Amino acid sequence: MSLTAHDIVIHPVISEKSMDEAQRGKYTFAVHRNANKVQIAAAVAELFKVEVLGVNVLTTQSKEKRGGMRRSRVGGRTTAWRKAIVTLAPGQKIEFFEAV
C-alpha cells in the first residue's frame, strides 16, 4: 500500500506543550499508524516546504472509559493513535503553527 503525504500527516496536534515546542522548532502531528520516520520526514518536507532534521515517533495506547447514568454504565475505549514530533532546521518554521 502506497501512502501519499496527505495520508501520512493526518492533522497537527494543538496543545500547550506542542505550542511551546513549536517556538523551539519542533512540531507535533498525528500520523498514519503504518508510517515510518523516513516517510513522515518526507511527507512534512513535501507538504510544508521545510528541511526536516529529525523525527521522533510514539504511539499512544487506548484507554478504557466508562460513562452513562447510574444504572446503565457503558464501557468503551478511546482510539490508539500515533504521534510524530518533527524537528526542523534552524530558521525554518511552519506558518500554520504561527497563526494559532
Protein backbone atom coordinates (compact mmCIF):
# COMPACT_ATOMS: atom_id res chain seq x y z
CA MET A 1 0.00 0.00 0.00
CA SER A 2 1.47 3.31 -1.07
CA LEU A 3 0.76 6.28 1.17
CA THR A 4 0.73 9.87 -0.06
CA ALA A 5 1.93 12.81 2.02
CA HIS A 6 -1.68 13.74 2.81
CA ASP A 7 -2.35 10.17 4.01
CA ILE A 8 0.70 10.15 6.30
CA VAL A 9 0.20 13.51 8.06
CA ILE A 10 -3.36 13.42 9.41
CA HIS A 11 -3.50 16.69 11.39
CA PRO A 12 -1.35 18.89 13.63
CA VAL A 13 -1.61 18.39 17.39
CA ILE A 14 -2.59 21.64 19.10
CA SER A 15 -1.82 21.63 22.83
CA GLU A 16 0.05 23.81 25.29
CA LYS A 17 3.12 21.62 25.13
CA SER A 18 3.15 21.40 21.33
CA MET A 19 2.81 25.19 21.03
CA ASP A 20 5.78 25.68 23.39
CA GLU A 21 7.83 23.18 21.37
CA ALA A 22 6.88 24.97 18.13
CA GLN A 23 8.75 28.02 19.42
CA ARG A 24 11.87 25.82 19.53
CA GLY A 25 11.42 24.39 16.02
CA LYS A 26 9.68 21.13 17.00
CA TYR A 27 6.23 20.50 15.51
CA THR A 28 3.78 17.75 16.51
CA PHE A 29 1.50 15.86 14.11
CA ALA A 30 -0.91 12.94 14.31
CA VAL A 31 0.32 10.47 11.68
CA HIS A 32 -0.76 7.24 9.97
CA ARG A 33 -0.21 4.12 12.09
CA ASN A 34 1.95 2.36 9.48
CA ALA A 35 4.16 5.32 8.52
CA ASN A 36 7.83 5.15 9.48
CA LYS A 37 10.21 8.02 10.33
CA VAL A 38 11.58 8.34 6.80
CA GLN A 39 8.09 8.56 5.29
CA ILE A 40 6.98 11.11 7.90
CA ALA A 41 10.04 13.31 7.28
CA ALA A 42 9.46 13.20 3.51
CA ALA A 43 5.75 13.98 3.90
CA VAL A 44 6.34 17.01 6.17
CA ALA A 45 9.08 18.31 3.86
CA GLU A 46 6.77 17.94 0.84
CA LEU A 47 3.66 19.45 2.43
CA PHE A 48 5.25 22.43 4.19
CA LYS A 49 8.39 23.01 2.03
CA VAL A 50 10.78 22.80 5.01
CA GLU A 51 14.00 20.93 5.84
CA VAL A 52 13.49 18.19 8.43
CA LEU A 53 16.40 17.32 10.74
CA GLY A 54 14.78 14.60 12.86
CA VAL A 55 11.60 12.73 13.67
CA ASN A 56 10.56 11.16 16.98
CA VAL A 57 7.52 8.87 16.88
CA LEU A 58 5.34 7.46 19.65
CA THR A 59 2.11 5.50 19.78
CA THR A 60 -0.42 6.46 22.43
CA GLN A 61 -2.23 3.46 23.87
CA SER A 62 -6.01 3.33 24.04
CA LYS A 63 -7.58 3.90 27.44
CA GLU A 64 -10.67 2.37 29.00
CA LYS A 65 -13.51 4.83 29.57
CA ARG A 66 -16.84 4.49 31.35
CA GLY A 67 -19.86 6.71 31.17
CA GLY A 68 -23.61 6.90 31.36
CA MET A 69 -26.22 7.15 34.03
CA ARG A 70 -26.02 5.36 37.38
CA ARG A 71 -27.74 2.10 36.39
CA SER A 72 -26.77 1.95 32.73
CA ARG A 73 -22.98 2.12 32.86
CA VAL A 74 -21.49 1.87 29.40
CA GLY A 75 -17.88 0.80 28.88
CA GLY A 76 -15.67 1.63 25.94
CA ARG A 77 -12.17 2.50 24.84
CA THR A 78 -10.54 5.56 23.30
CA THR A 79 -8.71 5.15 19.99
CA ALA A 80 -4.99 4.42 19.95
CA TRP A 81 -3.14 6.88 17.69
CA ARG A 82 0.37 7.72 16.54
CA LYS A 83 2.16 11.00 17.12
CA ALA A 84 5.30 12.38 15.44
CA ILE A 85 7.46 15.22 16.76
CA VAL A 86 9.34 16.74 13.82
CA THR A 87 12.46 18.86 14.34
CA LEU A 88 13.19 21.45 11.64
CA ALA A 89 16.46 23.05 10.60
CA PRO A 90 17.33 26.36 12.33
CA GLY A 91 15.49 29.28 10.76
CA GLN A 92 12.73 27.08 9.31
CA LYS A 93 9.15 27.29 10.53
CA ILE A 94 5.66 26.14 9.62
CA GLU A 95 3.29 29.07 9.20
CA PHE A 96 0.22 27.09 10.29
CA PHE A 97 1.50 26.87 13.87
CA GLU A 98 2.41 30.55 13.98
CA ALA A 99 -1.21 31.55 13.29
CA VAL A 100 -2.67 29.54 16.21
